[in-house]
Amino acid sequence: SMYQIKDRLKKLGETQVWLIFQLRERGIEIQPPLMSSIINGVYTYPQAQRVLKVCDEILTEAETDG
């Protein structure tokens, strides 16, 4: 996928659960099965693009924090 969420999580040593928690902090409630579908590119409805964009922002922050 264009954001490479899974690879980036692995490099950071973080999990999808961590990412879900980060999304929740930003007011986006998402269930783990749906999160997996979005990250794996199975779910591509418009809200998924928004979720991916926010995930990208979260990961970018985490990457630059180190």
Protein backbone atom coordinates (compact mmCIF):
# COMPACT_ATOMS: atom_id res chain seq x y z
CA SER A 1 0.00 0.00 0.00
CA MET A 2 1.12 3.55 -0.56
CA TYR A 3 1.56 4.29 3.14
CA GLN A 4 3.36 1.00 3.99
CA ILE A 5 1.64 0.97 7.38
CA LYS A 6 2.61 -2.62 8.31
CA ASP A 7 6.29 -2.19 7.44
CA ARG A 8 6.48 1.08 9.32
CA LEU A 9 4.77 -0.36 12.40
CA LYS A 10 7.26 -3.25 12.38
CA LYS A 11 10.23 -0.86 12.16
CA LEU A 12 8.85 1.13 15.10
CA GLY A 13 8.18 -2.07 17.07
CA GLU A 14 4.52 -1.11 17.36
CA THR A 15 1.27 -3.01 16.77
CA GLN A 16 -2.04 -2.37 15.07
CA VAL A 17 -3.53 -2.18 18.58
CA TRP A 18 -1.16 0.71 19.34
CA LEU A 19 -2.25 2.39 16.13
CA ILE A 20 -5.94 1.90 17.00
CA PHE A 21 -5.26 3.54 20.38
CA GLN A 22 -3.52 6.47 18.65
CA LEU A 23 -6.52 6.87 16.31
CA ARG A 24 -8.87 6.82 19.30
CA GLU A 25 -6.84 9.66 20.88
CA ARG A 26 -7.61 11.62 17.71
CA GLY A 27 -11.33 10.85 17.89
CA ILE A 28 -11.41 8.00 15.35
CA GLU A 29 -13.00 4.84 16.76
CA ILE A 30 -12.16 1.75 14.74
CA GLN A 31 -12.49 -1.97 15.48
CA PRO A 32 -9.48 -4.28 14.99
CA PRO A 33 -11.00 -6.38 12.15
CA LEU A 34 -11.84 -3.24 10.16
CA MET A 35 -8.39 -1.82 10.90
CA SER A 36 -6.78 -4.94 9.43
CA SER A 37 -8.97 -4.70 6.33
CA ILE A 38 -8.00 -1.06 5.82
CA ILE A 39 -4.27 -1.68 6.34
CA ASN A 40 -4.38 -4.69 4.00
CA GLY A 41 -6.16 -2.65 1.33
CA VAL A 42 -9.28 -4.85 1.43
CA TYR A 43 -11.47 -1.96 2.53
CA THR A 44 -11.13 1.07 0.25
CA TYR A 45 -14.25 3.10 0.97
CA PRO A 46 -13.68 6.88 1.45
CA GLN A 47 -13.38 6.72 5.25
CA ALA A 48 -10.56 4.20 4.82
CA GLN A 49 -8.51 6.79 2.94
CA ARG A 50 -9.00 9.24 5.80
CA VAL A 51 -7.99 6.60 8.34
CA LEU A 52 -4.86 5.75 6.32
CA LYS A 53 -3.93 9.41 6.07
CA VAL A 54 -4.21 9.83 9.85
CA CYS A 55 -2.25 6.59 10.38
CA ASP A 56 0.44 8.05 8.12
CA GLU A 57 0.53 11.21 10.26
CA ILE A 58 0.73 9.16 13.49
CA LEU A 59 3.57 7.03 12.10
CA THR A 60 5.44 10.04 10.74
CA GLU A 61 5.26 11.64 14.20
CA ALA A 62 6.50 8.45 15.87
CA GLU A 63 9.31 8.10 13.32
CA THR A 64 10.53 11.66 13.84
CA ASP A 65 10.17 11.46 17.65
CA GLY A 66 12.85 8.77 17.90
